[in-house]
Amino acid sequence: QEHNTTLQHAGVSEAEVSKLFRNTYSLLALTLAFSAIV
């Protein structure tokens, strides 16, 4: 049960990192495009 819990936490952490990457680089692309237009 402890092993499964550890894997579950690792999965959540990996999912959060992936979400943070997507949000960061999506916003970065948008801001770079907006700044270039300005």
Full PDB file with SEQRES, HELIX, SHEET, SSBOND, CRYST1, ORIGX, SCALE, CONECT and MASTER records, all heavy atoms in Angstrom:
SEQRES   1 A   38  GLN GLU HIS ASN THR THR LEU GLN HIS ALA GLY VAL SER          
SEQRES   2 A   38  GLU ALA GLU VAL SER LYS LEU PHE ARG ASN THR TYR SER          
SEQRES   3 A   38  LEU LEU ALA LEU THR LEU ALA PHE SER ALA ILE VAL              
HELIX    1 AA1 GLU A    2  ILE A   37  1                                  36    
CRYST1    1.000    1.000    1.000  90.00  90.00  90.00 P 1           1          
ORIGX1      1.000000  0.000000  0.000000        0.00000                         
ORIGX2      0.000000  1.000000  0.000000        0.00000                         
ORIGX3      0.000000  0.000000  1.000000        0.00000                         
SCALE1      1.000000  0.000000  0.000000        0.00000                         
SCALE2      0.000000  1.000000  0.000000        0.00000                         
SCALE3      0.000000  0.000000  1.000000        0.00000                         
ATOM      1  N   GLN A   1       0.832  -1.206   0.000  1.00  0.00           N  
ATOM      2  CA  GLN A   1       0.000   0.000   0.000  1.00  0.00           C  
ATOM      3  C   GLN A   1       0.867   1.256   0.000  1.00  0.00           C  
ATOM      4  O   GLN A   1       0.578   2.233  -0.681  1.00  0.00           O  
ATOM      5  CB  GLN A   1      -0.919  -0.017   1.224  1.00  0.00           C  
ATOM      6  CG  GLN A   1      -1.890   1.183   1.236  1.00  0.00           C  
ATOM      7  CD  GLN A   1      -2.840   1.102   2.418  1.00  0.00           C  
ATOM      8  OE1 GLN A   1      -2.778   0.155   3.215  1.00  0.00           O  
ATOM      9  NE2 GLN A   1      -3.703   2.074   2.531  1.00  0.00           N  
ATOM     10  N   GLU A   2       1.990   1.210   0.769  1.00  0.00           N  
ATOM     11  CA  GLU A   2       2.896   2.359   0.826  1.00  0.00           C  
ATOM     12  C   GLU A   2       3.548   2.597  -0.538  1.00  0.00           C  
ATOM     13  O   GLU A   2       3.717   3.731  -0.980  1.00  0.00           O  
ATOM     14  CB  GLU A   2       3.969   2.101   1.891  1.00  0.00           C  
ATOM     15  CG  GLU A   2       4.936   3.278   2.064  1.00  0.00           C  
ATOM     16  CD  GLU A   2       5.971   2.988   3.133  1.00  0.00           C  
ATOM     17  OE1 GLU A   2       5.848   1.946   3.801  1.00  0.00           O  
ATOM     18  OE2 GLU A   2       6.892   3.806   3.270  1.00  0.00           O  
ATOM     19  N   HIS A   3       3.892   1.483  -1.221  1.00  0.00           N  
ATOM     20  CA  HIS A   3       4.515   1.587  -2.537  1.00  0.00           C  
ATOM     21  C   HIS A   3       3.545   2.233  -3.539  1.00  0.00           C  
ATOM     22  O   HIS A   3       3.937   3.106  -4.327  1.00  0.00           O  
ATOM     23  CB  HIS A   3       4.933   0.200  -3.014  1.00  0.00           C  
ATOM     24  CG  HIS A   3       5.552   0.196  -4.385  1.00  0.00           C  
ATOM     25  ND1 HIS A   3       6.760   0.798  -4.664  1.00  0.00           N  
ATOM     26  CD2 HIS A   3       5.100  -0.324  -5.559  1.00  0.00           C  
ATOM     27  CE1 HIS A   3       7.049   0.642  -5.947  1.00  0.00           C  
ATOM     28  NE2 HIS A   3       6.052  -0.032  -6.519  1.00  0.00           N  
ATOM     29  N   ASN A   4       2.287   1.803  -3.493  1.00  0.00           N  
ATOM     30  CA  ASN A   4       1.287   2.358  -4.397  1.00  0.00           C  
ATOM     31  C   ASN A   4       1.052   3.838  -4.133  1.00  0.00           C  
ATOM     32  O   ASN A   4       0.841   4.636  -5.052  1.00  0.00           O  
ATOM     33  CB  ASN A   4      -0.038   1.595  -4.268  1.00  0.00           C  
ATOM     34  CG  ASN A   4       0.063   0.186  -4.839  1.00  0.00           C  
ATOM     35  OD1 ASN A   4       0.918  -0.080  -5.684  1.00  0.00           O  
ATOM     36  ND2 ASN A   4      -0.799  -0.705  -4.369  1.00  0.00           N  
ATOM     37  N   THR A   5       1.052   4.183  -2.837  1.00  0.00           N  
ATOM     38  CA  THR A   5       0.856   5.585  -2.467  1.00  0.00           C  
ATOM     39  C   THR A   5       1.986   6.453  -2.993  1.00  0.00           C  
ATOM     40  O   THR A   5       1.781   7.566  -3.490  1.00  0.00           O  
ATOM     41  CB  THR A   5       0.775   5.725  -0.931  1.00  0.00           C  
ATOM     42  OG1 THR A   5      -0.277   4.909  -0.452  1.00  0.00           O  
ATOM     43  CG2 THR A   5       0.534   7.173  -0.540  1.00  0.00           C  
ATOM     44  N   THR A   6       3.242   5.918  -2.901  1.00  0.00           N  
ATOM     45  CA  THR A   6       4.402   6.652  -3.402  1.00  0.00           C  
ATOM     46  C   THR A   6       4.301   6.885  -4.899  1.00  0.00           C  
ATOM     47  O   THR A   6       4.552   7.977  -5.406  1.00  0.00           O  
ATOM     48  CB  THR A   6       5.699   5.881  -3.091  1.00  0.00           C  
ATOM     49  OG1 THR A   6       5.795   5.673  -1.693  1.00  0.00           O  
ATOM     50  CG2 THR A   6       6.917   6.668  -3.579  1.00  0.00           C  
ATOM     51  N   LEU A   7       3.896   5.847  -5.631  1.00  0.00           N  
ATOM     52  CA  LEU A   7       3.735   5.964  -7.071  1.00  0.00           C  
ATOM     53  C   LEU A   7       2.633   6.962  -7.417  1.00  0.00           C  
ATOM     54  O   LEU A   7       2.750   7.722  -8.367  1.00  0.00           O  
ATOM     55  CB  LEU A   7       3.393   4.596  -7.688  1.00  0.00           C  
ATOM     56  CG  LEU A   7       4.525   3.566  -7.732  1.00  0.00           C  
ATOM     57  CD1 LEU A   7       4.016   2.253  -8.317  1.00  0.00           C  
ATOM     58  CD2 LEU A   7       5.694   4.076  -8.557  1.00  0.00           C  
ATOM     59  N   GLN A   8       1.588   6.951  -6.611  1.00  0.00           N  
ATOM     60  CA  GLN A   8       0.476   7.871  -6.849  1.00  0.00           C  
ATOM     61  C   GLN A   8       0.924   9.312  -6.694  1.00  0.00           C  
ATOM     62  O   GLN A   8       0.614  10.183  -7.505  1.00  0.00           O  
ATOM     63  CB  GLN A   8      -0.662   7.549  -5.873  1.00  0.00           C  
ATOM     64  CG  GLN A   8      -2.011   8.077  -6.320  1.00  0.00           C  
ATOM     65  CD  GLN A   8      -3.107   7.540  -5.423  1.00  0.00           C  
ATOM     66  OE1 GLN A   8      -2.881   7.162  -4.288  1.00  0.00           O  
ATOM     67  NE2 GLN A   8      -4.310   7.494  -5.955  1.00  0.00           N  
ATOM     68  N   HIS A   9       1.709   9.570  -5.634  1.00  0.00           N  
ATOM     69  CA  HIS A   9       2.224  10.916  -5.399  1.00  0.00           C  
ATOM     70  C   HIS A   9       3.175  11.331  -6.514  1.00  0.00           C  
ATOM     71  O   HIS A   9       3.174  12.482  -6.951  1.00  0.00           O  
ATOM     72  CB  HIS A   9       2.943  10.978  -4.045  1.00  0.00           C  
ATOM     73  CG  HIS A   9       1.997  11.067  -2.885  1.00  0.00           C  
ATOM     74  ND1 HIS A   9       1.040  12.046  -2.784  1.00  0.00           N  
ATOM     75  CD2 HIS A   9       1.860  10.291  -1.777  1.00  0.00           C  
ATOM     76  CE1 HIS A   9       0.341  11.882  -1.660  1.00  0.00           C  
ATOM     77  NE2 HIS A   9       0.827  10.813  -1.043  1.00  0.00           N  
ATOM     78  N   ALA A  10       4.005  10.380  -6.983  1.00  0.00           N  
ATOM     79  CA  ALA A  10       4.940  10.676  -8.059  1.00  0.00           C  
ATOM     80  C   ALA A  10       4.185  11.028  -9.332  1.00  0.00           C  
ATOM     81  O   ALA A  10       4.569  11.933 -10.079  1.00  0.00           O  
ATOM     82  CB  ALA A  10       5.860   9.485  -8.305  1.00  0.00           C  
ATOM     83  N   GLY A  11       3.064  10.319  -9.577  1.00  0.00           N  
ATOM     84  CA  GLY A  11       2.251  10.592 -10.746  1.00  0.00           C  
ATOM     85  C   GLY A  11       1.633  11.964 -10.694  1.00  0.00           C  
ATOM     86  O   GLY A  11       1.616  12.690 -11.687  1.00  0.00           O  
ATOM     87  N   VAL A  12       1.128  12.351  -9.540  1.00  0.00           N  
ATOM     88  CA  VAL A  12       0.540  13.680  -9.372  1.00  0.00           C  
ATOM     89  C   VAL A  12       1.603  14.749  -9.589  1.00  0.00           C  
ATOM     90  O   VAL A  12       1.376  15.762 -10.252  1.00  0.00           O  
ATOM     91  CB  VAL A  12      -0.087  13.807  -7.974  1.00  0.00           C  
ATOM     92  CG1 VAL A  12      -0.492  15.242  -7.707  1.00  0.00           C  
ATOM     93  CG2 VAL A  12      -1.288  12.886  -7.853  1.00  0.00           C  
ATOM     94  N   SER A  13       2.805  14.529  -9.034  1.00  0.00           N  
ATOM     95  CA  SER A  13       3.880  15.488  -9.168  1.00  0.00           C  
ATOM     96  C   SER A  13       4.272  15.653 -10.637  1.00  0.00           C  
ATOM     97  O   SER A  13       4.476  16.762 -11.113  1.00  0.00           O  
ATOM     98  CB  SER A  13       5.087  15.022  -8.352  1.00  0.00           C  
ATOM     99  OG  SER A  13       6.173  15.908  -8.504  1.00  0.00           O  
ATOM    100  N   GLU A  14       4.380  14.538 -11.359  1.00  0.00           N  
ATOM    101  CA  GLU A  14       4.732  14.589 -12.777  1.00  0.00           C  
ATOM    102  C   GLU A  14       3.653  15.318 -13.577  1.00  0.00           C  
ATOM    103  O   GLU A  14       3.954  16.085 -14.498  1.00  0.00           O  
ATOM    104  CB  GLU A  14       4.918  13.168 -13.308  1.00  0.00           C  
ATOM    105  CG  GLU A  14       5.467  13.102 -14.724  1.00  0.00           C  
ATOM    106  CD  GLU A  14       6.886  13.604 -14.817  1.00  0.00           C  
ATOM    107  OE1 GLU A  14       7.616  13.528 -13.805  1.00  0.00           O  
ATOM    108  OE2 GLU A  14       7.267  14.092 -15.902  1.00  0.00           O  
ATOM    109  N   ALA A  15       2.406  15.086 -13.211  1.00  0.00           N  
ATOM    110  CA  ALA A  15       1.293  15.749 -13.896  1.00  0.00           C  
ATOM    111  C   ALA A  15       1.328  17.253 -13.654  1.00  0.00           C  
ATOM    112  O   ALA A  15       1.067  18.049 -14.565  1.00  0.00           O  
ATOM    113  CB  ALA A  15      -0.036  15.173 -13.420  1.00  0.00           C  
ATOM    114  N   GLU A  16       1.669  17.641 -12.432  1.00  0.00           N  
ATOM    115  CA  GLU A  16       1.740  19.069 -12.112  1.00  0.00           C  
ATOM    116  C   GLU A  16       2.878  19.753 -12.862  1.00  0.00           C  
ATOM    117  O   GLU A  16       2.730  20.879 -13.333  1.00  0.00           O  
ATOM    118  CB  GLU A  16       1.926  19.247 -10.602  1.00  0.00           C  
ATOM    119  CG  GLU A  16       0.691  18.867  -9.790  1.00  0.00           C  
ATOM    120  CD  GLU A  16       0.940  18.965  -8.301  1.00  0.00           C  
ATOM    121  OE1 GLU A  16       2.124  19.121  -7.913  1.00  0.00           O  
ATOM    122  OE2 GLU A  16      -0.031  18.873  -7.536  1.00  0.00           O  
ATOM    123  N   VAL A  17       4.015  19.046 -12.969  1.00  0.00           N  
ATOM    124  CA  VAL A  17       5.146  19.595 -13.707  1.00  0.00           C  
ATOM    125  C   VAL A  17       4.793  19.765 -15.182  1.00  0.00           C  
ATOM    126  O   VAL A  17       5.089  20.790 -15.791  1.00  0.00           O  
ATOM    127  CB  VAL A  17       6.389  18.689 -13.555  1.00  0.00           C  
ATOM    128  CG1 VAL A  17       7.491  19.129 -14.523  1.00  0.00           C  
ATOM    129  CG2 VAL A  17       6.908  18.733 -12.129  1.00  0.00           C  
ATOM    130  N   SER A  18       4.126  18.765 -15.757  1.00  0.00           N  
ATOM    131  CA  SER A  18       3.722  18.837 -17.164  1.00  0.00           C  
ATOM    132  C   SER A  18       2.751  19.996 -17.397  1.00  0.00           C  
ATOM    133  O   SER A  18       2.858  20.719 -18.396  1.00  0.00           O  
ATOM    134  CB  SER A  18       3.064  17.517 -17.593  1.00  0.00           C  
ATOM    135  OG  SER A  18       3.974  16.443 -17.491  1.00  0.00           O  
ATOM    136  N   LYS A  19       1.817  20.173 -16.468  1.00  0.00           N  
ATOM    137  CA  LYS A  19       0.858  21.273 -16.586  1.00  0.00           C  
ATOM    138  C   LYS A  19       1.561  22.619 -16.495  1.00  0.00           C  
ATOM    139  O   LYS A  19       1.254  23.553 -17.252  1.00  0.00           O  
ATOM    140  CB  LYS A  19      -0.203  21.153 -15.491  1.00  0.00           C  
ATOM    141  CG  LYS A  19      -1.255  22.250 -15.552  1.00  0.00           C  
ATOM    142  CD  LYS A  19      -2.280  22.097 -14.434  1.00  0.00           C  
ATOM    143  CE  LYS A  19      -3.308  23.219 -14.469  1.00  0.00           C  
ATOM    144  NZ  LYS A  19      -4.298  23.093 -13.363  1.00  0.00           N  
ATOM    145  N   LEU A  20       2.531  22.716 -15.570  1.00  0.00           N  
ATOM    146  CA  LEU A  20       3.276  23.962 -15.405  1.00  0.00           C  
ATOM    147  C   LEU A  20       4.084  24.277 -16.663  1.00  0.00           C  
ATOM    148  O   LEU A  20       4.141  25.430 -17.102  1.00  0.00           O  
ATOM    149  CB  LEU A  20       4.201  23.856 -14.187  1.00  0.00           C  
ATOM    150  CG  LEU A  20       5.040  25.096 -13.846  1.00  0.00           C  
ATOM    151  CD1 LEU A  20       4.153  26.295 -13.582  1.00  0.00           C  
ATOM    152  CD2 LEU A  20       5.939  24.816 -12.640  1.00  0.00           C  
ATOM    153  N   PHE A  21       4.669  23.243 -17.259  1.00  0.00           N  
ATOM    154  CA  PHE A  21       5.415  23.429 -18.505  1.00  0.00           C  
ATOM    155  C   PHE A  21       4.505  23.928 -19.619  1.00  0.00           C  
ATOM    156  O   PHE A  21       4.845  24.869 -20.350  1.00  0.00           O  
ATOM    157  CB  PHE A  21       6.076  22.112 -18.931  1.00  0.00           C  
ATOM    158  CG  PHE A  21       7.538  22.042 -18.614  1.00  0.00           C  
ATOM    159  CD1 PHE A  21       8.008  21.165 -17.652  1.00  0.00           C  
ATOM    160  CD2 PHE A  21       8.443  22.861 -19.264  1.00  0.00           C  
ATOM    161  CE1 PHE A  21       9.350  21.096 -17.345  1.00  0.00           C  
ATOM    162  CE2 PHE A  21       9.787  22.812 -18.975  1.00  0.00           C  
ATOM    163  CZ  PHE A  21      10.257  21.924 -18.012  1.00  0.00           C  
ATOM    164  N   ARG A  22       3.363  23.301 -19.763  1.00  0.00           N  
ATOM    165  CA  ARG A  22       2.434  23.696 -20.826  1.00  0.00           C  
ATOM    166  C   ARG A  22       1.974  25.137 -20.645  1.00  0.00           C  
ATOM    167  O   ARG A  22       1.965  25.926 -21.605  1.00  0.00           O  
ATOM    168  CB  ARG A  22       1.219  22.760 -20.848  1.00  0.00           C  
ATOM    169  CG  ARG A  22       1.490  21.365 -21.376  1.00  0.00           C  
ATOM    170  CD  ARG A  22       0.192  20.658 -21.707  1.00  0.00           C  
ATOM    171  NE  ARG A  22      -0.718  20.627 -20.559  1.00  0.00           N  
ATOM    172  CZ  ARG A  22      -0.739  19.656 -19.655  1.00  0.00           C  
ATOM    173  NH1 ARG A  22       0.113  18.639 -19.745  1.00  0.00           N  
ATOM    174  NH2 ARG A  22      -1.608  19.689 -18.652  1.00  0.00           N  
ATOM    175  N   ASN A  23       1.585  25.469 -19.426  1.00  0.00           N  
ATOM    176  CA  ASN A  23       1.100  26.829 -19.160  1.00  0.00           C  
ATOM    177  C   ASN A  23       2.206  27.866 -19.370  1.00  0.00           C  
ATOM    178  O   ASN A  23       1.968  28.938 -19.942  1.00  0.00           O  
ATOM    179  CB  ASN A  23       0.562  26.928 -17.738  1.00  0.00           C  
ATOM    180  CG  ASN A  23      -0.728  26.172 -17.544  1.00  0.00           C  
ATOM    181  OD1 ASN A  23      -1.432  25.874 -18.515  1.00  0.00           O  
ATOM    182  ND2 ASN A  23      -1.057  25.844 -16.311  1.00  0.00           N  
ATOM    183  N   THR A  24       3.421  27.539 -18.898  1.00  0.00           N  
ATOM    184  CA  THR A  24       4.532  28.489 -19.003  1.00  0.00           C  
ATOM    185  C   THR A  24       4.900  28.756 -20.451  1.00  0.00           C  
ATOM    186  O   THR A  24       4.987  29.915 -20.886  1.00  0.00           O  
ATOM    187  CB  THR A  24       5.766  27.959 -18.248  1.00  0.00           C  
ATOM    188  OG1 THR A  24       5.458  27.830 -16.853  1.00  0.00           O  
ATOM    189  CG2 THR A  24       6.944  28.914 -18.407  1.00  0.00           C  
ATOM    190  N   TYR A  25       5.099  27.691 -21.221  1.00  0.00           N  
ATOM    191  CA  TYR A  25       5.567  27.881 -22.590  1.00  0.00           C  
ATOM    192  C   TYR A  25       4.456  28.365 -23.521  1.00  0.00           C  
ATOM    193  O   TYR A  25       4.740  29.033 -24.527  1.00  0.00           O  
ATOM    194  CB  TYR A  25       6.217  26.597 -23.104  1.00  0.00           C  
ATOM    195  CG  TYR A  25       7.605  26.415 -22.541  1.00  0.00           C  
ATOM    196  CD1 TYR A  25       7.819  25.736 -21.347  1.00  0.00           C  
ATOM    197  CD2 TYR A  25       8.706  26.974 -23.173  1.00  0.00           C  
ATOM    198  CE1 TYR A  25       9.081  25.593 -20.807  1.00  0.00           C  
ATOM    199  CE2 TYR A  25       9.981  26.841 -22.646  1.00  0.00           C  
ATOM    200  CZ  TYR A  25      10.163  26.152 -21.458  1.00  0.00           C  
ATOM    201  OH  TYR A  25      11.427  26.034 -20.928  1.00  0.00           O  
ATOM    202  N   SER A  26       3.217  28.068 -23.189  1.00  0.00           N  
ATOM    203  CA  SER A  26       2.101  28.628 -23.963  1.00  0.00           C  
ATOM    204  C   SER A  26       2.022  30.129 -23.748  1.00  0.00           C  
ATOM    205  O   SER A  26       1.889  30.919 -24.700  1.00  0.00           O  
ATOM    206  CB  SER A  26       0.784  27.962 -23.563  1.00  0.00           C  
ATOM    207  OG  SER A  26       0.781  26.590 -23.891  1.00  0.00           O  
ATOM    208  N   LEU A  27       2.100  30.543 -22.470  1.00  0.00           N  
ATOM    209  CA  LEU A  27       2.053  31.976 -22.164  1.00  0.00           C  
ATOM    210  C   LEU A  27       3.290  32.680 -22.695  1.00  0.00           C  
ATOM    211  O   LEU A  27       3.202  33.817 -23.177  1.00  0.00           O  
ATOM    212  CB  LEU A  27       1.926  32.179 -20.649  1.00  0.00           C  
ATOM    213  CG  LEU A  27       1.794  33.628 -20.163  1.00  0.00           C  
ATOM    214  CD1 LEU A  27       0.583  34.307 -20.799  1.00  0.00           C  
ATOM    215  CD2 LEU A  27       1.690  33.680 -18.633  1.00  0.00           C  
ATOM    216  N   LEU A  28       4.437  32.022 -22.638  1.00  0.00           N  
ATOM    217  CA  LEU A  28       5.667  32.623 -23.148  1.00  0.00           C  
ATOM    218  C   LEU A  28       5.554  32.876 -24.646  1.00  0.00           C  
ATOM    219  O   LEU A  28       5.944  33.946 -25.138  1.00  0.00           O  
ATOM    220  CB  LEU A  28       6.861  31.707 -22.853  1.00  0.00           C  
ATOM    221  CG  LEU A  28       8.225  32.215 -23.327  1.00  0.00           C  
ATOM    222  CD1 LEU A  28       8.585  33.518 -22.626  1.00  0.00           C  
ATOM    223  CD2 LEU A  28       9.300  31.158 -23.068  1.00  0.00           C  
ATOM    224  N   ALA A  29       5.007  31.905 -25.378  1.00  0.00           N  
ATOM    225  CA  ALA A  29       4.826  32.072 -26.828  1.00  0.00           C  
ATOM    226  C   ALA A  29       3.879  33.232 -27.131  1.00  0.00           C  
ATOM    227  O   ALA A  29       4.132  34.036 -28.036  1.00  0.00           O  
ATOM    228  CB  ALA A  29       4.299  30.774 -27.439  1.00  0.00           C  
ATOM    229  N   LEU A  30       2.799  33.333 -26.366  1.00  0.00           N  
ATOM    230  CA  LEU A  30       1.828  34.406 -26.582  1.00  0.00           C  
ATOM    231  C   LEU A  30       2.424  35.774 -26.268  1.00  0.00           C  
ATOM    232  O   LEU A  30       2.212  36.740 -27.012  1.00  0.00           O  
ATOM    233  CB  LEU A  30       0.584  34.169 -25.718  1.00  0.00           C  
ATOM    234  CG  LEU A  30      -0.324  32.995 -26.125  1.00  0.00           C  
ATOM    235  CD1 LEU A  30      -1.416  32.785 -25.087  1.00  0.00           C  
ATOM    236  CD2 LEU A  30      -0.937  33.252 -27.504  1.00  0.00           C  
ATOM    237  N   THR A  31       3.181  35.860 -25.183  1.00  0.00           N  
ATOM    238  CA  THR A  31       3.763  37.151 -24.805  1.00  0.00           C  
ATOM    239  C   THR A  31       4.866  37.567 -25.782  1.00  0.00           C  
ATOM    240  O   THR A  31       5.012  38.761 -26.079  1.00  0.00           O  
ATOM    241  CB  THR A  31       4.332  37.101 -23.379  1.00  0.00           C  
ATOM    242  OG1 THR A  31       5.215  35.985 -23.237  1.00  0.00           O  
ATOM    243  CG2 THR A  31       3.218  36.989 -22.353  1.00  0.00           C  
ATOM    244  N   LEU A  32       5.626  36.602 -26.282  1.00  0.00           N  
ATOM    245  CA  LEU A  32       6.649  36.931 -27.276  1.00  0.00           C  
ATOM    246  C   LEU A  32       6.001  37.451 -28.561  1.00  0.00           C  
ATOM    247  O   LEU A  32       6.475  38.423 -29.162  1.00  0.00           O  
ATOM    248  CB  LEU A  32       7.505  35.694 -27.577  1.00  0.00           C  
ATOM    249  CG  LEU A  32       8.517  35.296 -26.500  1.00  0.00           C  
ATOM    250  CD1 LEU A  32       9.140  33.944 -26.831  1.00  0.00           C  
ATOM    251  CD2 LEU A  32       9.607  36.354 -26.344  1.00  0.00           C  
ATOM    252  N   ALA A  33       4.914  36.799 -28.970  1.00  0.00           N  
ATOM    253  CA  ALA A  33       4.200  37.244 -30.170  1.00  0.00           C  
ATOM    254  C   ALA A  33       3.600  38.629 -29.955  1.00  0.00           C  
ATOM    255  O   ALA A  33       3.696  39.510 -30.833  1.00  0.00           O  
ATOM    256  CB  ALA A  33       3.108  36.235 -30.528  1.00  0.00           C  
ATOM    257  N   PHE A  34       2.995  38.855 -28.785  1.00  0.00           N  
ATOM    258  CA  PHE A  34       2.387  40.155 -28.480  1.00  0.00           C  
ATOM    259  C   PHE A  34       3.443  41.249 -28.426  1.00  0.00           C  
ATOM    260  O   PHE A  34       3.255  42.354 -28.971  1.00  0.00           O  
ATOM    261  CB  PHE A  34       1.639  40.071 -27.150  1.00  0.00           C  
ATOM    262  CG  PHE A  34       1.018  41.368 -26.712  1.00  0.00           C  
ATOM    263  CD1 PHE A  34      -0.061  41.903 -27.401  1.00  0.00           C  
ATOM    264  CD2 PHE A  34       1.508  42.048 -25.613  1.00  0.00           C  
ATOM    265  CE1 PHE A  34      -0.639  43.103 -27.003  1.00  0.00           C  
ATOM    266  CE2 PHE A  34       0.938  43.243 -25.199  1.00  0.00           C  
ATOM    267  CZ  PHE A  34      -0.140  43.768 -25.904  1.00  0.00           C  
ATOM    268  N   SER A  35       4.571  40.952 -27.790  1.00  0.00           N  
ATOM    269  CA  SER A  35       5.653  41.924 -27.689  1.00  0.00           C  
ATOM    270  C   SER A  35       6.215  42.259 -29.077  1.00  0.00           C  
ATOM    271  O   SER A  35       6.537  43.421 -29.363  1.00  0.00           O  
ATOM    272  CB  SER A  35       6.767  41.377 -26.798  1.00  0.00           C  
ATOM    273  OG  SER A  35       7.804  42.313 -26.638  1.00  0.00           O  
ATOM    274  N   ALA A  36       6.311  41.251 -29.948  1.00  0.00           N  
ATOM    275  CA  ALA A  36       6.807  41.473 -31.303  1.00  0.00           C  
ATOM    276  C   ALA A  36       5.857  42.366 -32.095  1.00  0.00           C  
ATOM    277  O   ALA A  36       6.293  43.241 -32.850  1.00  0.00           O  
ATOM    278  CB  ALA A  36       6.987  40.131 -32.012  1.00  0.00           C  
ATOM    279  N   ILE A  37       4.557  42.161 -31.901  1.00  0.00           N  
ATOM    280  CA  ILE A  37       3.559  42.992 -32.590  1.00  0.00           C  
ATOM    281  C   ILE A  37       3.658  44.445 -32.122  1.00  0.00           C  
ATOM    282  O   ILE A  37       3.638  45.379 -32.929  1.00  0.00           O  
ATOM    283  CB  ILE A  37       2.146  42.444 -32.349  1.00  0.00           C  
ATOM    284  CG1 ILE A  37       1.977  41.095 -33.052  1.00  0.00           C  
ATOM    285  CG2 ILE A  37       1.084  43.432 -32.847  1.00  0.00           C  
ATOM    286  CD1 ILE A  37       0.673  40.389 -32.721  1.00  0.00           C  
ATOM    287  N   VAL A  38       3.779  44.626 -30.803  1.00  0.00           N  
ATOM    288  CA  VAL A  38       3.904  45.985 -30.249  1.00  0.00           C  
ATOM    289  C   VAL A  38       5.192  46.639 -30.750  1.00  0.00           C  
ATOM    290  O   VAL A  38       5.205  47.830 -31.092  1.00  0.00           O  
ATOM    291  CB  VAL A  38       3.874  45.950 -28.712  1.00  0.00           C  
ATOM    292  CG1 VAL A  38       4.141  47.343 -28.137  1.00  0.00           C  
ATOM    293  CG2 VAL A  38       2.538  45.432 -28.209  1.00  0.00           C  
TER     294      VAL A  38                                                      
MASTER        0    0    0    1    0    0    0    6  293    1    0    3          
END                                                                             
